N, C-alpha and C. Protein backbone atom coordinates (compact mmCIF):
# COMPACT_ATOMS: atom_id res chain seq x y z
N MET A 1 9.54 0.80 -20.02
CA MET A 1 10.33 2.05 -20.44
C MET A 1 9.21 2.99 -21.13
N ALA A 2 10.16 3.48 -20.60
CA ALA A 2 9.31 5.15 -20.97
C ALA A 2 9.83 5.83 -22.26
N GLY A 3 9.72 5.44 -23.22
CA GLY A 3 11.35 6.80 -24.69
C GLY A 3 12.01 6.52 -23.68
N LYS A 4 13.45 6.73 -23.98
CA LYS A 4 14.45 6.32 -23.76
C LYS A 4 14.73 5.83 -22.14
N ASN A 5 13.91 5.94 -21.34
CA ASN A 5 14.56 5.08 -19.94
C ASN A 5 13.76 4.55 -19.83
N LEU A 6 14.31 3.57 -18.62
CA LEU A 6 14.53 1.63 -18.24
C LEU A 6 14.03 2.44 -16.36
N TYR A 7 12.60 1.69 -16.29
CA TYR A 7 12.14 2.75 -14.75
C TYR A 7 12.70 0.46 -14.20
N MET A 8 13.31 -0.14 -13.73
CA MET A 8 12.88 -1.44 -12.96
C MET A 8 13.01 -0.92 -11.34
N ARG A 9 11.80 -2.29 -10.91
CA ARG A 9 11.05 -2.52 -10.15
C ARG A 9 11.49 -3.23 -9.69
N PHE A 10 12.72 -3.50 -8.44
CA PHE A 10 13.46 -4.51 -7.62
C PHE A 10 12.41 -5.15 -6.43
N THR A 11 12.41 -6.94 -6.72
CA THR A 11 11.93 -7.40 -5.47
C THR A 11 12.90 -8.20 -4.34
N CYS A 12 12.91 -7.66 -3.33
CA CYS A 12 14.09 -8.13 -2.02
C CYS A 12 13.63 -8.78 -1.25
N SER A 13 13.80 -9.89 -0.58
CA SER A 13 12.89 -10.06 1.21
C SER A 13 13.97 -9.40 2.14
N THR A 14 13.87 -9.12 2.71
CA THR A 14 14.65 -8.01 4.26
C THR A 14 13.29 -8.48 5.18
N GLY A 15 13.07 -9.79 5.38
CA GLY A 15 12.11 -10.40 6.42
C GLY A 15 11.11 -9.63 7.50
N ASP A 16 11.30 -9.03 8.65
CA ASP A 16 10.23 -7.99 9.00
C ASP A 16 10.59 -7.27 9.05
N ALA A 17 11.28 -6.30 8.61
CA ALA A 17 10.94 -5.09 8.04
C ALA A 17 10.90 -4.39 6.81
N ILE A 18 11.03 -3.24 6.63
CA ILE A 18 10.33 -2.99 4.87
C ILE A 18 11.94 -2.95 4.55
N GLY A 19 12.97 -2.88 5.24
CA GLY A 19 13.29 -2.08 4.58
C GLY A 19 14.73 -1.23 4.21
N MET A 20 13.91 -0.33 3.43
CA MET A 20 14.13 0.78 2.47
C MET A 20 15.81 0.98 2.47
N ASN A 21 16.27 1.35 3.62
CA ASN A 21 17.98 1.53 3.44
C ASN A 21 19.27 0.09 3.31
N MET A 22 18.34 -0.67 2.70
CA MET A 22 18.78 -1.67 2.68
C MET A 22 18.88 -2.86 1.45
N VAL A 23 17.79 -2.13 0.82
CA VAL A 23 16.77 -2.50 0.18
C VAL A 23 17.98 -1.66 -1.41
N SER A 24 17.97 0.07 -0.96
CA SER A 24 19.31 1.05 -1.33
C SER A 24 20.38 0.67 -1.76
N LYS A 25 21.33 0.13 -0.60
CA LYS A 25 22.10 0.06 -1.33
C LYS A 25 22.53 -1.81 -2.29
N GLY A 26 21.61 -2.89 -2.24
CA GLY A 26 21.47 -3.32 -2.29
C GLY A 26 21.18 -3.10 -4.11
N VAL A 27 20.12 -2.13 -4.43
CA VAL A 27 20.81 -1.72 -5.10
C VAL A 27 21.48 -1.17 -6.55
N GLN A 28 22.21 -0.07 -5.66
CA GLN A 28 22.59 1.00 -5.81
C GLN A 28 24.03 -0.12 -6.23
N ASN A 29 24.82 -1.46 -5.29
CA ASN A 29 25.39 -2.46 -5.77
C ASN A 29 25.42 -3.20 -7.50
N VAL A 30 23.25 -3.38 -7.25
CA VAL A 30 23.48 -4.08 -9.04
C VAL A 30 23.77 -2.72 -10.10
N LEU A 31 23.10 -1.50 -9.91
CA LEU A 31 23.33 -0.49 -10.77
C LEU A 31 25.27 -0.32 -10.79
N ASP A 32 25.43 -0.79 -10.09
CA ASP A 32 26.84 -0.18 -10.19
C ASP A 32 27.92 -1.32 -11.48
N PHE A 33 27.04 -2.15 -10.91
CA PHE A 33 27.45 -3.93 -11.22
C PHE A 33 27.16 -3.98 -13.38
N LEU A 34 25.92 -3.27 -13.27
CA LEU A 34 25.10 -2.93 -14.43
C LEU A 34 26.30 -2.44 -15.50
N GLN A 35 26.75 -1.00 -14.51
CA GLN A 35 27.09 -0.15 -15.63
C GLN A 35 28.87 -0.58 -15.65
N ASN A 36 28.93 -1.28 -15.08
CA ASN A 36 30.71 -2.53 -15.84
C ASN A 36 30.03 -2.85 -17.60
N ASP A 37 29.02 -3.67 -17.32
CA ASP A 37 28.56 -4.00 -18.64
C ASP A 37 27.90 -3.63 -19.72
N PHE A 38 27.47 -2.05 -19.58
CA PHE A 38 26.68 -1.34 -19.94
C PHE A 38 27.45 0.24 -19.58
N PRO A 39 28.58 0.31 -20.46
CA PRO A 39 29.07 1.71 -20.10
C PRO A 39 28.27 2.79 -20.42
N ASP A 40 27.62 3.04 -21.41
CA ASP A 40 27.16 4.47 -21.74
C ASP A 40 25.88 4.44 -21.28
N MET A 41 25.98 3.30 -19.82
CA MET A 41 23.77 3.76 -19.39
C MET A 41 24.12 4.64 -18.33
N ASP A 42 23.30 5.85 -18.19
CA ASP A 42 23.58 6.59 -17.22
C ASP A 42 22.59 6.61 -15.49
N ALA A 43 22.65 6.46 -14.61
CA ALA A 43 21.92 5.96 -13.61
C ALA A 43 21.60 7.42 -13.01
N ILE A 44 20.22 8.06 -13.46
CA ILE A 44 20.27 9.24 -13.29
C ILE A 44 19.45 9.08 -11.70
N SER A 45 18.74 8.03 -10.98
CA SER A 45 18.95 8.20 -9.20
C SER A 45 18.03 6.85 -9.38
N ILE A 46 18.74 6.02 -7.92
CA ILE A 46 18.91 5.18 -6.98
C ILE A 46 17.34 4.72 -7.15
N SER A 47 15.98 5.76 -7.29
CA SER A 47 14.26 5.76 -6.91
C SER A 47 14.17 6.40 -8.55
N GLY A 48 13.10 5.85 -9.56
CA GLY A 48 12.49 6.60 -10.10
C GLY A 48 10.56 7.03 -9.73
N ASN A 49 10.29 6.36 -8.33
CA ASN A 49 9.45 6.94 -7.83
C ASN A 49 7.90 5.48 -8.80
N PHE A 50 8.93 4.37 -9.17
CA PHE A 50 8.54 3.41 -9.23
C PHE A 50 7.74 2.80 -8.67
N CYS A 51 8.78 2.72 -7.42
CA CYS A 51 8.15 2.20 -5.93
C CYS A 51 6.81 2.50 -5.43
N SER A 52 6.73 3.65 -6.03
CA SER A 52 5.56 4.72 -5.45
C SER A 52 5.04 4.38 -3.57
N ASP A 53 6.06 3.89 -3.19
CA ASP A 53 6.58 4.35 -1.53
C ASP A 53 5.64 5.63 -1.10
N LYS A 54 4.07 4.76 -0.17
CA LYS A 54 4.03 5.41 0.75
C LYS A 54 2.23 6.58 -0.55
N LYS A 55 2.50 5.92 -1.33
CA LYS A 55 0.92 7.17 -2.71
C LYS A 55 0.92 5.94 -3.23
N PRO A 56 -0.44 5.89 -2.89
CA PRO A 56 -1.33 5.06 -4.42
C PRO A 56 -1.26 4.68 -5.62
N SER A 57 -1.03 3.49 -5.37
CA SER A 57 -0.61 3.27 -6.78
C SER A 57 -0.83 1.97 -7.39
N VAL A 58 -1.50 1.93 -8.77
CA VAL A 58 -1.98 0.92 -9.11
C VAL A 58 -0.86 0.05 -9.57
N VAL A 59 0.13 -0.06 -9.52
CA VAL A 59 1.38 -1.20 -9.73
C VAL A 59 1.33 -2.12 -8.17
N ASN A 60 1.71 -0.81 -7.08
CA ASN A 60 1.45 -1.82 -5.87
C ASN A 60 0.21 -2.19 -5.69
N TRP A 61 -0.98 -1.74 -6.17
CA TRP A 61 -2.00 -2.85 -5.81
C TRP A 61 -1.56 -3.74 -6.23
N ILE A 62 -1.78 -3.97 -7.73
CA ILE A 62 -1.03 -5.33 -8.47
C ILE A 62 0.26 -6.48 -8.52
N GLU A 63 1.77 -5.38 -8.27
CA GLU A 63 2.27 -6.17 -7.21
C GLU A 63 2.23 -6.31 -6.25
N GLY A 64 1.23 -5.55 -5.30
CA GLY A 64 1.79 -5.65 -3.91
C GLY A 64 3.51 -4.90 -3.44
N ARG A 65 3.16 -5.21 -2.39
CA ARG A 65 4.50 -3.96 -1.69
C ARG A 65 4.16 -4.03 -0.36
N GLY A 66 5.28 -4.42 0.06
CA GLY A 66 5.25 -5.26 1.79
C GLY A 66 4.81 -6.40 2.12
N LYS A 67 4.30 -6.25 3.27
CA LYS A 67 2.91 -7.22 3.83
C LYS A 67 1.57 -7.40 3.95
N SER A 68 1.05 -8.12 3.20
CA SER A 68 -0.45 -7.97 2.69
C SER A 68 -1.22 -8.64 4.00
N LEU A 69 -2.17 -8.67 4.93
CA LEU A 69 -3.20 -9.31 5.55
C LEU A 69 -4.59 -8.77 5.77
N VAL A 70 -4.78 -9.52 6.27
CA VAL A 70 -6.32 -9.47 5.72
C VAL A 70 -6.73 -10.37 7.28
N CYS A 71 -7.76 -9.77 7.80
CA CYS A 71 -8.34 -10.44 9.30
C CYS A 71 -9.74 -10.26 9.22
N GLU A 72 -10.55 -10.61 10.19
CA GLU A 72 -12.24 -10.77 9.87
C GLU A 72 -12.17 -10.14 11.59
N ALA A 73 -13.42 -9.88 12.22
CA ALA A 73 -13.86 -9.38 13.04
C ALA A 73 -15.37 -9.58 13.63
N ILE A 74 -16.19 -10.39 14.69
CA ILE A 74 -17.31 -10.01 15.05
C ILE A 74 -17.04 -8.88 15.54
N ILE A 75 -17.84 -7.75 15.78
CA ILE A 75 -18.25 -6.91 16.66
C ILE A 75 -20.14 -6.62 17.32
N LYS A 76 -19.93 -7.02 18.85
CA LYS A 76 -21.17 -7.18 19.41
C LYS A 76 -21.99 -6.08 18.68
N GLU A 77 -23.78 -6.69 18.37
CA GLU A 77 -24.34 -5.17 19.00
C GLU A 77 -24.14 -4.31 19.61
N GLU A 78 -23.66 -4.91 20.77
CA GLU A 78 -24.23 -4.24 21.86
C GLU A 78 -22.68 -3.02 22.32
N ALA A 79 -21.75 -2.97 21.56
CA ALA A 79 -20.27 -2.64 21.44
C ALA A 79 -20.68 -1.29 19.86
N VAL A 80 -21.63 -1.83 18.75
CA VAL A 80 -22.08 -1.23 17.78
C VAL A 80 -22.68 -0.14 18.49
N ARG A 81 -23.20 0.25 19.50
CA ARG A 81 -24.21 0.38 19.77
C ARG A 81 -23.28 1.42 20.62
N LYS A 82 -23.14 1.25 21.99
CA LYS A 82 -22.01 1.55 23.09
C LYS A 82 -20.99 2.23 22.41
N VAL A 83 -19.87 1.66 21.80
CA VAL A 83 -19.08 2.95 22.03
C VAL A 83 -18.54 3.36 20.16
N LEU A 84 -19.27 3.42 19.06
CA LEU A 84 -18.88 3.69 17.89
C LEU A 84 -21.18 4.50 17.73
N LYS A 85 -21.66 4.29 19.31
CA LYS A 85 -22.87 4.85 19.14
C LYS A 85 -23.91 5.15 17.68
N THR A 86 -23.95 3.20 17.33
CA THR A 86 -24.40 3.66 16.02
C THR A 86 -25.38 2.25 15.97
N THR A 87 -26.33 2.10 14.91
CA THR A 87 -26.33 0.93 15.32
C THR A 87 -26.08 -0.20 13.77
N VAL A 88 -26.56 -1.37 13.49
CA VAL A 88 -25.72 -2.07 12.91
C VAL A 88 -26.70 -2.04 11.33
N PRO A 89 -27.83 -1.76 11.45
CA PRO A 89 -28.48 -1.17 10.15
C PRO A 89 -27.34 0.17 9.78
N ALA A 90 -27.28 0.65 10.41
CA ALA A 90 -27.14 2.08 10.12
C ALA A 90 -25.43 2.02 9.74
N LEU A 91 -24.31 1.07 10.14
CA LEU A 91 -23.45 1.14 9.76
C LEU A 91 -22.79 -0.01 8.93
N VAL A 92 -24.07 -0.76 8.61
CA VAL A 92 -24.15 -1.32 7.52
C VAL A 92 -24.19 -0.01 5.36
N GLU A 93 -25.68 0.78 6.41
CA GLU A 93 -25.94 1.68 4.76
C GLU A 93 -24.03 2.49 4.84
N LEU A 94 -23.54 3.11 5.89
CA LEU A 94 -22.83 3.57 5.78
C LEU A 94 -21.42 3.07 4.89
N ASN A 95 -21.57 1.48 5.20
CA ASN A 95 -20.36 0.97 4.38
C ASN A 95 -20.40 0.81 2.75
N MET A 96 -21.80 0.59 2.46
CA MET A 96 -21.96 0.96 1.70
C MET A 96 -21.48 2.04 0.47
N LEU A 97 -22.38 3.02 1.47
CA LEU A 97 -22.49 4.54 1.00
C LEU A 97 -21.12 5.39 0.77
N LYS A 98 -20.91 5.16 1.87
CA LYS A 98 -19.57 5.27 1.59
C LYS A 98 -18.43 3.73 1.04
N ASN A 99 -17.70 3.40 1.54
CA ASN A 99 -16.67 2.37 1.15
C ASN A 99 -16.99 1.77 -0.16
N LEU A 100 -18.37 1.56 -0.90
CA LEU A 100 -18.46 1.61 -1.78
C LEU A 100 -18.75 1.86 -3.28
N THR A 101 -19.66 2.77 -2.72
CA THR A 101 -20.14 3.50 -3.63
C THR A 101 -19.57 5.31 -3.54
N GLY A 102 -19.29 5.64 -1.84
CA GLY A 102 -18.24 6.77 -2.01
C GLY A 102 -16.93 6.47 -3.16
N SER A 103 -16.23 6.18 -2.97
CA SER A 103 -14.90 5.02 -3.26
C SER A 103 -14.70 4.54 -5.32
N ALA A 104 -16.18 4.13 -5.37
CA ALA A 104 -16.39 4.50 -6.75
C ALA A 104 -16.19 6.19 -7.10
N VAL A 105 -16.68 6.70 -6.51
CA VAL A 105 -17.01 7.88 -6.76
C VAL A 105 -15.97 8.90 -7.66
N VAL A 106 -15.03 8.68 -6.51
CA VAL A 106 -13.84 8.78 -6.61
C VAL A 106 -12.81 8.13 -6.83
N GLY A 107 -13.18 6.93 -7.39
CA GLY A 107 -12.05 6.77 -8.51
C GLY A 107 -10.82 6.05 -7.51
N ALA A 108 -11.15 5.53 -6.02
CA ALA A 108 -10.28 4.24 -5.14
C ALA A 108 -9.27 3.72 -6.13
N LEU A 109 -8.04 3.87 -5.49
CA LEU A 109 -7.12 2.94 -5.73
C LEU A 109 -6.75 2.13 -5.28
N GLY A 110 -6.56 0.83 -5.63
CA GLY A 110 -6.39 -0.28 -4.39
C GLY A 110 -7.61 -0.81 -3.51
N GLY A 111 -8.87 -0.70 -4.25
CA GLY A 111 -10.06 -1.29 -3.62
C GLY A 111 -11.08 -0.42 -2.91
N PHE A 112 -12.19 -0.63 -2.84
CA PHE A 112 -12.90 0.37 -1.37
C PHE A 112 -13.37 -0.16 -0.67
N ASN A 113 -12.43 0.47 -0.11
CA ASN A 113 -11.92 0.14 1.60
C ASN A 113 -12.23 1.65 2.43
N ALA A 114 -12.19 1.70 3.87
CA ALA A 114 -12.52 2.52 5.08
C ALA A 114 -10.58 1.90 5.00
N HIS A 115 -10.45 2.80 6.17
CA HIS A 115 -8.43 4.01 7.04
C HIS A 115 -8.94 2.01 8.39
N ALA A 116 -9.08 1.65 8.12
CA ALA A 116 -9.40 -0.09 9.34
C ALA A 116 -8.77 0.87 10.83
N SER A 117 -7.22 0.65 9.74
CA SER A 117 -6.56 0.70 11.13
C SER A 117 -7.14 2.06 12.30
N ASN A 118 -8.29 3.14 11.58
CA ASN A 118 -8.14 4.18 13.00
C ASN A 118 -9.52 2.97 13.67
N ILE A 119 -10.12 2.63 13.46
CA ILE A 119 -11.14 1.20 14.24
C ILE A 119 -9.90 1.31 15.28
N VAL A 120 -9.38 0.16 15.51
CA VAL A 120 -8.03 0.13 16.40
C VAL A 120 -7.72 0.21 18.04
N SER A 121 -8.13 1.53 17.80
CA SER A 121 -7.01 2.18 18.75
C SER A 121 -8.71 2.23 19.88
N LEU A 122 -9.60 2.60 18.92
CA LEU A 122 -10.94 2.88 20.14
C LEU A 122 -10.94 0.64 21.40
N PRO A 123 -11.10 1.74 22.43
CA PRO A 123 -10.77 1.42 24.00
C PRO A 123 -12.11 0.28 23.79
N ASP A 124 -12.16 -1.39 23.82
CA ASP A 124 -13.42 -1.97 25.10
C ASP A 124 -14.44 -2.09 23.67
N LEU A 125 -13.63 -2.30 22.74
CA LEU A 125 -14.60 -3.13 21.33
C LEU A 125 -14.62 -4.68 21.60
């Protein structure tokens, strides 16, 4: 609730797709159904930005959005040296200064981390 406005967050199962078009159609049906029971209700928009689609937000951090993934990899020292052109101690120091301290200073939402998908595109890791 925000004043006289109600922001609803719907939870849906859409298989392997994010399915926003499917979800939007379903939400419209729910709003039409609610309009019958609450004729004084005004549905202003199908999205009140509470979904926080493609934007960092605390609600998505707490409640989740989409799929979650945890992965772990061991990168050999030789690959760090040849591909990333650094040393393991320097990479560890960078992680502490950038991903932990830097993220804390800026007030990062959703955890203190790097944009790890960028490293996936590096060949020969």
